[in-house]
Amino acid sequence: MSQHPLAESIEDIEVAYEFMLAYAAQGRKTDIGENSVPIRDYLTKMTGALDAIYNYLKAQQNQGAFIKAAMEDLMIAKEIVELTLKKKNIGSQCIDNVNASVHIRTMITDLFILEDLESD
């Protein structure tokens, strides 16, 4: 059985978000240096997955109000992640703030709903 087109991208976002939660709890001052962790890799993968889901939804015939709102939420979340990636230094507090963003949380909830709707 083949995987639904959204499933891999949603999984990438969920994995990145879980990593972000763990990173935020570590109290790191920086993502650079000897003991660095790949937070930027996870954020970059998340932006690619957000784009893939956006493009998938954009190609759908029926774009009701929820799909249009989900697409907007995806792009706002992507912009937050891209702004974070532009920082010279990404510490735990920064990622904690990103995680707490209502836009990130809304996007995650949208993905849960989309995943459930597409599972039929």
C-alpha atoms as a PDB file:
ATOM      1  CA  MET A   1       0.000   0.000   0.000  1.00  0.00           C
ATOM      2  CA  SER A   2       1.480   3.342  -1.004  1.00  0.00           C
ATOM      3  CA  GLN A   3       1.699   6.231   1.406  1.00  0.00           C
ATOM      4  CA  HIS A   4      -0.610   9.217   0.927  1.00  0.00           C
ATOM      5  CA  PRO A   5       1.154  12.230  -0.662  1.00  0.00           C
ATOM      6  CA  LEU A   6       0.754  14.269   2.521  1.00  0.00           C
ATOM      7  CA  ALA A   7       1.943  11.584   4.920  1.00  0.00           C
ATOM      8  CA  GLU A   8       5.703  11.937   4.385  1.00  0.00           C
ATOM      9  CA  SER A   9       5.645  15.731   4.630  1.00  0.00           C
ATOM     10  CA  ILE A  10       3.456  15.667   7.722  1.00  0.00           C
ATOM     11  CA  GLU A  11       5.820  13.120   9.274  1.00  0.00           C
ATOM     12  CA  ASP A  12       8.814  15.380   8.511  1.00  0.00           C
ATOM     13  CA  ILE A  13       7.089  18.291  10.249  1.00  0.00           C
ATOM     14  CA  GLU A  14       6.116  16.192  13.262  1.00  0.00           C
ATOM     15  CA  VAL A  15       9.681  14.889  13.646  1.00  0.00           C
ATOM     16  CA  ALA A  16      11.096  18.414  13.351  1.00  0.00           C
ATOM     17  CA  TYR A  17       8.592  19.769  15.876  1.00  0.00           C
ATOM     18  CA  GLU A  18       9.437  17.011  18.364  1.00  0.00           C
ATOM     19  CA  PHE A  19      13.138  17.811  17.935  1.00  0.00           C
ATOM     20  CA  MET A  20      12.363  21.491  18.466  1.00  0.00           C
ATOM     21  CA  LEU A  21      10.556  20.702  21.724  1.00  0.00           C
ATOM     22  CA  ALA A  22      13.561  18.719  22.958  1.00  0.00           C
ATOM     23  CA  TYR A  23      15.990  21.424  21.825  1.00  0.00           C
ATOM     24  CA  ALA A  24      14.033  24.113  23.642  1.00  0.00           C
ATOM     25  CA  ALA A  25      14.227  22.122  26.871  1.00  0.00           C
ATOM     26  CA  GLN A  26      18.029  21.811  26.707  1.00  0.00           C
ATOM     27  CA  GLY A  27      18.786  25.404  27.689  1.00  0.00           C
ATOM     28  CA  ARG A  28      21.337  25.851  24.913  1.00  0.00           C
ATOM     29  CA  LYS A  29      22.712  29.328  24.327  1.00  0.00           C
ATOM     30  CA  THR A  30      23.814  28.512  20.780  1.00  0.00           C
ATOM     31  CA  ASP A  31      23.480  25.981  17.996  1.00  0.00           C
ATOM     32  CA  ILE A  32      27.075  26.591  16.947  1.00  0.00           C
ATOM     33  CA  GLY A  33      30.238  25.024  18.263  1.00  0.00           C
ATOM     34  CA  GLU A  34      31.698  21.844  19.579  1.00  0.00           C
ATOM     35  CA  ASN A  35      28.512  20.388  21.064  1.00  0.00           C
ATOM     36  CA  SER A  36      26.149  21.653  18.378  1.00  0.00           C
ATOM     37  CA  VAL A  37      23.052  19.763  17.339  1.00  0.00           C
ATOM     38  CA  PRO A  38      21.387  19.817  13.906  1.00  0.00           C
ATOM     39  CA  ILE A  39      18.512  22.208  14.699  1.00  0.00           C
ATOM     40  CA  ARG A  40      19.053  24.003  11.380  1.00  0.00           C
ATOM     41  CA  ASP A  41      18.747  20.721   9.478  1.00  0.00           C
ATOM     42  CA  TYR A  42      15.388  20.023  11.108  1.00  0.00           C
ATOM     43  CA  LEU A  43      14.144  23.551  10.451  1.00  0.00           C
ATOM     44  CA  THR A  44      15.249  23.357   6.816  1.00  0.00           C
ATOM     45  CA  LYS A  45      13.500  20.030   6.348  1.00  0.00           C
ATOM     46  CA  MET A  46      10.389  21.533   7.934  1.00  0.00           C
ATOM     47  CA  THR A  47      10.316  24.404   5.415  1.00  0.00           C
ATOM     48  CA  GLY A  48      10.530  21.924   2.540  1.00  0.00           C
ATOM     49  CA  ALA A  49       7.684  19.872   3.980  1.00  0.00           C
ATOM     50  CA  LEU A  50       5.567  22.986   4.511  1.00  0.00           C
ATOM     51  CA  ASP A  51       6.096  23.907   0.854  1.00  0.00           C
ATOM     52  CA  ALA A  52       5.191  20.391  -0.295  1.00  0.00           C
ATOM     53  CA  ILE A  53       1.937  20.396   1.671  1.00  0.00           C
ATOM     54  CA  TYR A  54       1.078  23.905   0.487  1.00  0.00           C
ATOM     55  CA  ASN A  55       1.619  22.879  -3.146  1.00  0.00           C
ATOM     56  CA  TYR A  56      -0.430  19.717  -2.672  1.00  0.00           C
ATOM     57  CA  LEU A  57      -3.337  21.692  -1.217  1.00  0.00           C
ATOM     58  CA  LYS A  58      -3.061  24.379  -3.894  1.00  0.00           C
ATOM     59  CA  ALA A  59      -3.502  21.722  -6.590  1.00  0.00           C
ATOM     60  CA  GLN A  60      -6.715  20.377  -5.043  1.00  0.00           C
ATOM     61  CA  GLN A  61      -9.981  21.037  -6.845  1.00  0.00           C
ATOM     62  CA  ASN A  62     -12.034  21.805  -3.737  1.00  0.00           C
ATOM     63  CA  GLN A  63     -10.438  24.620  -1.795  1.00  0.00           C
ATOM     64  CA  GLY A  64     -13.016  25.493   0.804  1.00  0.00           C
ATOM     65  CA  ALA A  65     -12.468  27.925   3.651  1.00  0.00           C
ATOM     66  CA  PHE A  66     -10.568  25.421   5.815  1.00  0.00           C
ATOM     67  CA  ILE A  67      -8.111  24.481   3.050  1.00  0.00           C
ATOM     68  CA  LYS A  68      -7.502  28.150   2.246  1.00  0.00           C
ATOM     69  CA  ALA A  69      -6.935  28.929   5.945  1.00  0.00           C
ATOM     70  CA  ALA A  70      -4.614  25.919   6.298  1.00  0.00           C
ATOM     71  CA  MET A  71      -2.590  27.135   3.319  1.00  0.00           C
ATOM     72  CA  GLU A  72      -2.232  30.555   4.925  1.00  0.00           C
ATOM     73  CA  ASP A  73      -1.244  28.960   8.249  1.00  0.00           C
ATOM     74  CA  LEU A  74       1.403  26.877   6.452  1.00  0.00           C
ATOM     75  CA  MET A  75       2.950  29.966   4.876  1.00  0.00           C
ATOM     76  CA  ILE A  76       2.982  31.935   8.134  1.00  0.00           C
ATOM     77  CA  ALA A  77       4.628  29.007   9.932  1.00  0.00           C
ATOM     78  CA  LYS A  78       7.155  28.702   7.094  1.00  0.00           C
ATOM     79  CA  GLU A  79       8.019  32.389   7.383  1.00  0.00           C
ATOM     80  CA  ILE A  80       8.597  32.035  11.132  1.00  0.00           C
ATOM     81  CA  VAL A  81      10.932  29.089  10.519  1.00  0.00           C
ATOM     82  CA  GLU A  82      12.753  30.916   7.719  1.00  0.00           C
ATOM     83  CA  LEU A  83      13.249  33.989   9.917  1.00  0.00           C
ATOM     84  CA  THR A  84      14.640  31.710  12.618  1.00  0.00           C
ATOM     85  CA  LEU A  85      17.056  30.136  10.127  1.00  0.00           C
ATOM     86  CA  LYS A  86      18.383  33.610   9.253  1.00  0.00           C
ATOM     87  CA  LYS A  87      19.567  34.116  12.827  1.00  0.00           C
ATOM     88  CA  LYS A  88      23.314  33.844  13.323  1.00  0.00           C
ATOM     89  CA  ASN A  89      22.716  31.960  16.566  1.00  0.00           C
ATOM     90  CA  ILE A  90      19.712  29.786  17.431  1.00  0.00           C
ATOM     91  CA  GLY A  91      19.441  29.118  21.144  1.00  0.00           C
ATOM     92  CA  SER A  92      16.876  27.141  23.090  1.00  0.00           C
ATOM     93  CA  GLN A  93      14.920  30.231  24.094  1.00  0.00           C
ATOM     94  CA  CYS A  94      14.440  31.197  20.455  1.00  0.00           C
ATOM     95  CA  ILE A  95      13.109  27.736  19.592  1.00  0.00           C
ATOM     96  CA  ASP A  96      10.929  27.749  22.706  1.00  0.00           C
ATOM     97  CA  ASN A  97       9.364  30.992  21.451  1.00  0.00           C
ATOM     98  CA  VAL A  98       8.862  29.511  17.983  1.00  0.00           C
ATOM     99  CA  ASN A  99       7.227  26.433  19.513  1.00  0.00           C
ATOM    100  CA  ALA A 100       4.924  28.655  21.562  1.00  0.00           C
ATOM    101  CA  SER A 101       3.815  30.666  18.546  1.00  0.00           C
ATOM    102  CA  VAL A 102       0.085  30.388  17.953  1.00  0.00           C
ATOM    103  CA  HIS A 103       0.883  30.172  14.239  1.00  0.00           C
ATOM    104  CA  ILE A 104       3.075  27.090  14.655  1.00  0.00           C
ATOM    105  CA  ARG A 105       0.524  25.439  16.937  1.00  0.00           C
ATOM    106  CA  THR A 106      -2.312  26.247  14.528  1.00  0.00           C
ATOM    107  CA  MET A 107      -0.335  24.803  11.625  1.00  0.00           C
ATOM    108  CA  ILE A 108       0.311  21.588  13.590  1.00  0.00           C
ATOM    109  CA  THR A 109      -3.403  21.300  14.416  1.00  0.00           C
ATOM    110  CA  ASP A 110      -4.297  21.930  10.762  1.00  0.00           C
ATOM    111  CA  LEU A 111      -1.997  19.055   9.798  1.00  0.00           C
ATOM    112  CA  PHE A 112      -3.703  16.724  12.264  1.00  0.00           C
ATOM    113  CA  ILE A 113      -7.067  17.618  10.732  1.00  0.00           C
ATOM    114  CA  LEU A 114      -5.775  17.241   7.162  1.00  0.00           C
ATOM    115  CA  GLU A 115      -4.206  13.904   8.002  1.00  0.00           C
ATOM    116  CA  ASP A 116      -7.463  12.702   9.484  1.00  0.00           C
ATOM    117  CA  LEU A 117      -9.522  13.956   6.532  1.00  0.00           C
ATOM    118  CA  GLU A 118      -7.186  12.326   4.013  1.00  0.00           C
ATOM    119  CA  SER A 119      -7.104   8.966   5.811  1.00  0.00           C
ATOM    120  CA  ASP A 120     -10.459   7.852   4.392  1.00  0.00           C
END
